[in-house]
Protein backbone atom coordinates (compact mmCIF):
# COMPACT_ATOMS: atom_id res chain seq x y z
CA MET A 1 -12.62 5.07 18.02
CA SER A 2 -15.58 3.51 16.27
CA GLU A 3 -15.18 1.79 12.94
CA ILE A 4 -15.85 3.99 9.92
CA ARG A 5 -18.77 2.61 7.90
CA LEU A 6 -19.05 5.24 5.15
CA ILE A 7 -17.06 5.86 1.98
CA VAL A 8 -17.27 9.13 0.05
CA ASP A 9 -16.74 10.15 -3.56
CA SER A 10 -14.87 13.17 -4.91
CA SER A 11 -17.93 15.08 -6.09
CA THR A 12 -19.50 15.12 -2.63
CA LEU A 13 -16.24 16.20 -1.00
CA SER A 14 -15.75 18.79 -3.73
CA ASN A 15 -19.26 20.22 -3.41
CA PHE A 16 -19.01 20.68 0.33
CA ALA A 17 -15.44 22.05 0.14
CA ARG A 18 -16.11 24.48 -2.71
CA ALA A 19 -19.24 25.78 -0.98
CA GLY A 20 -17.32 26.22 2.27
CA TYR A 21 -19.08 23.51 4.30
CA LEU A 22 -16.48 20.77 4.63
CA ASN A 23 -16.60 21.25 8.41
CA LEU A 24 -20.27 20.24 8.33
CA LEU A 25 -19.20 16.83 6.98
CA LYS A 26 -16.42 16.66 9.53
CA THR A 27 -18.83 17.41 12.37
CA LEU A 28 -21.47 14.94 11.16
CA PHE A 29 -18.97 12.17 10.55
CA HIS A 30 -16.57 12.92 13.39
CA ALA A 31 -15.14 9.38 13.32
CA GLY A 32 -14.09 10.11 9.76
CA LEU A 33 -14.93 9.01 6.27
CA LEU A 34 -13.20 6.50 4.05
CA THR A 35 -12.27 7.12 0.45
CA THR A 36 -9.98 5.60 -2.15
CA SER A 37 -6.65 6.75 -3.54
CA ASP A 38 -8.46 7.26 -6.87
CA VAL A 39 -10.67 9.87 -5.19
CA ILE A 40 -7.64 11.63 -3.69
CA GLU A 41 -6.06 11.76 -7.16
CA GLU A 42 -9.26 13.34 -8.55
CA ILE A 43 -9.26 15.92 -5.75
CA GLU A 44 -5.57 16.69 -6.35
CA ARG A 45 -6.22 17.27 -10.07
CA GLY A 46 -9.25 19.41 -9.28
CA SER A 47 -7.33 21.53 -6.77
CA GLU A 48 -5.33 23.04 -9.62
CA LYS A 49 -8.51 24.71 -10.89
CA TYR A 50 -10.29 25.01 -7.53
CA PRO A 51 -7.76 25.80 -4.77
CA GLU A 52 -10.45 25.43 -2.08
CA LEU A 53 -10.23 21.67 -2.66
CA ARG A 54 -6.89 21.74 -0.88
CA THR A 55 -8.89 21.85 2.36
CA VAL A 56 -9.97 18.27 1.60
CA LEU A 57 -6.36 17.21 1.17
CA ASN A 58 -5.31 19.08 4.33
CA LYS A 59 -7.91 17.20 6.38
CA GLN A 60 -7.04 13.86 4.78
CA SER A 61 -4.74 12.43 7.42
CA LEU A 62 -6.86 13.54 10.36
CA TRP A 63 -10.38 12.81 9.21
CA LEU A 64 -10.46 11.46 5.68
CA LYS A 65 -8.99 7.98 5.69
CA VAL A 66 -7.71 6.46 2.45
CA VAL A 67 -8.19 2.75 1.89
CA ASP A 68 -4.56 1.84 1.34
CA GLU A 69 -4.77 -1.79 0.37
CA LEU A 70 -7.45 -3.35 -1.79
CA THR A 71 -8.29 -7.00 -1.32
CA GLU A 72 -8.10 -9.44 -4.22
CA GLU A 73 -11.90 -9.48 -4.33
CA GLU A 74 -12.02 -5.68 -4.55
CA GLN A 75 -9.40 -5.62 -7.31
CA SER A 76 -11.31 -8.27 -9.24
CA LEU A 77 -14.59 -6.37 -8.87
CA ILE A 78 -12.91 -3.15 -10.06
CA ARG A 79 -11.66 -4.93 -13.19
CA ASN A 80 -15.12 -6.39 -13.86
CA LEU A 81 -16.86 -3.04 -13.32
CA ARG A 82 -14.47 -1.31 -15.72
CA ILE A 83 -15.16 -3.96 -18.35
CA THR A 84 -18.94 -4.03 -17.97
CA HIS A 85 -19.56 -0.29 -17.44
CA GLU A 86 -18.04 2.18 -19.88
CA GLU A 87 -18.59 4.97 -17.33
CA PHE A 88 -16.27 3.18 -14.90
CA GLU A 89 -13.31 2.75 -17.28
CA GLU A 90 -11.52 5.70 -15.69
CA GLY A 91 -11.87 7.58 -12.44
CA ALA A 92 -12.74 6.53 -8.95
CA ASP A 93 -16.26 5.11 -9.29
CA ALA A 94 -15.23 1.49 -9.75
CA SER A 95 -12.94 1.52 -6.72
CA LEU A 96 -15.57 3.23 -4.56
CA LEU A 97 -18.24 0.71 -5.49
CA ALA A 98 -15.91 -2.26 -5.06
CA VAL A 99 -14.76 -1.19 -1.60
CA ALA A 100 -18.29 -0.26 -0.51
CA LYS A 101 -19.67 -3.60 -1.67
CA GLU A 102 -16.92 -5.84 -0.34
CA ARG A 103 -16.71 -4.09 3.04
CA ASN A 104 -20.45 -3.48 3.44
CA LEU A 105 -20.05 0.31 3.61
CA VAL A 106 -22.54 3.07 2.90
CA LEU A 107 -21.53 5.04 -0.21
CA ILE A 108 -21.91 8.82 -0.18
CA THR A 109 -22.43 10.15 -3.71
CA ASP A 110 -24.71 12.31 -5.80
CA ASP A 111 -23.55 10.73 -9.06
CA LYS A 112 -26.72 9.29 -10.64
CA TYR A 113 -25.05 6.46 -12.54
CA LEU A 114 -22.84 5.40 -9.62
CA LYS A 115 -25.89 5.48 -7.35
CA LYS A 116 -27.95 3.36 -9.75
CA ILE A 117 -25.27 0.69 -10.23
CA SER A 118 -24.36 0.68 -6.51
CA GLU A 119 -27.95 0.11 -5.47
CA ARG A 120 -28.25 -2.64 -8.08
CA GLU A 121 -25.16 -4.23 -6.45
CA GLY A 122 -26.82 -4.06 -3.03
CA VAL A 123 -24.85 -1.09 -1.71
CA LYS A 124 -26.69 1.50 0.38
CA VAL A 125 -26.24 5.02 -1.05
CA VAL A 126 -26.84 8.41 0.52
CA GLY A 127 -26.31 11.84 -0.98
CA THR A 128 -26.24 15.50 -0.13
CA VAL A 129 -29.94 15.68 0.68
CA GLU A 130 -29.61 12.91 3.29
CA ILE A 131 -26.51 14.62 4.72
CA LEU A 132 -28.43 17.88 5.06
CA GLU A 133 -31.37 16.06 6.67
CA GLU A 134 -29.02 14.45 9.19
CA ALA A 135 -27.44 17.84 9.95
CA ILE A 136 -30.91 19.27 10.59
CA ASN A 137 -31.87 16.30 12.79
CA ARG A 138 -28.71 16.72 14.86
CA GLY A 139 -29.24 20.46 15.24
CA LEU A 140 -26.20 21.42 13.18
CA ILE A 141 -28.44 23.38 10.81
CA ARG A 142 -30.73 25.37 13.07
CA SER A 143 -32.96 27.37 10.75
CA VAL A 144 -34.56 27.42 7.33
CA GLU A 145 -32.45 30.49 6.53
CA GLU A 146 -29.24 28.63 7.34
CA LEU A 147 -30.34 25.69 5.18
CA LYS A 148 -31.27 28.02 2.33
CA GLN A 149 -27.83 29.65 2.51
CA ILE A 150 -26.10 26.27 2.30
CA VAL A 151 -28.20 25.28 -0.72
CA ILE A 152 -27.55 28.66 -2.40
CA ASP A 153 -23.80 28.45 -1.69
CA MET A 154 -23.66 24.93 -3.12
CA GLU A 155 -25.38 26.10 -6.27
CA HIS A 156 -23.32 29.26 -6.75
CA LEU A 157 -19.91 28.21 -5.45
CA ALA A 158 -19.86 24.48 -6.20
CA ARG A 159 -22.21 24.48 -9.21
CA PHE A 160 -24.25 21.77 -7.50
CA ARG A 161 -28.01 22.09 -7.56
CA LEU A 162 -30.39 19.91 -5.62
CA LYS A 163 -33.36 18.57 -7.56
CA ASP A 164 -36.70 20.26 -7.00
CA SER A 165 -37.96 17.11 -5.26
CA ASP A 166 -34.98 17.28 -2.87
CA LEU A 167 -35.69 20.93 -2.09
CA LYS A 168 -39.30 19.99 -1.28
CA ARG A 169 -38.08 17.08 0.84
CA LEU A 170 -35.98 19.56 2.85
CA GLY A 171 -38.98 21.87 3.19
CA LEU A 172 -37.60 24.59 0.94
CA SER A 173 -39.47 26.48 -1.72
CA LEU A 174 -38.38 26.09 -5.32
CA ASP A 175 -37.73 29.83 -5.75
CA LEU A 176 -34.50 30.15 -3.73
């Protein structure tokens, strides 16, 4: 099996799971995705309110791999990030960024602040729009209608809305 080079945050997993498209991620990233135990804890807490998140936890051992042990460098970077960024004091963002940076992984997130700080730290970041583009390029999304339905489901079921510029980038009109 090839080495997994991507790490994913809870919001991305949540958006795809709540909209009913977790299998799209699984198909695109068939080797699996990495995440941190902090992300799993966030998903577990969220599953109390949104039971569909349990599908993420059910797929965890097969496809979603949890980084079990953090290196000393990762632990140190997490501490520093939590001190220097108020937004990272709690939650999974600090651990995601630390692991992505230290292991040279691509971070999957739509969180604006995490994206900004990650890019400043030299970490490559992709989000939902890039995932959808890749699914189109690989033929997993075969029509504009199918893409529109995914975008509509994400907005209505997951409360996640792509920016107008992202809709244009995907070739969709702004009046979905």
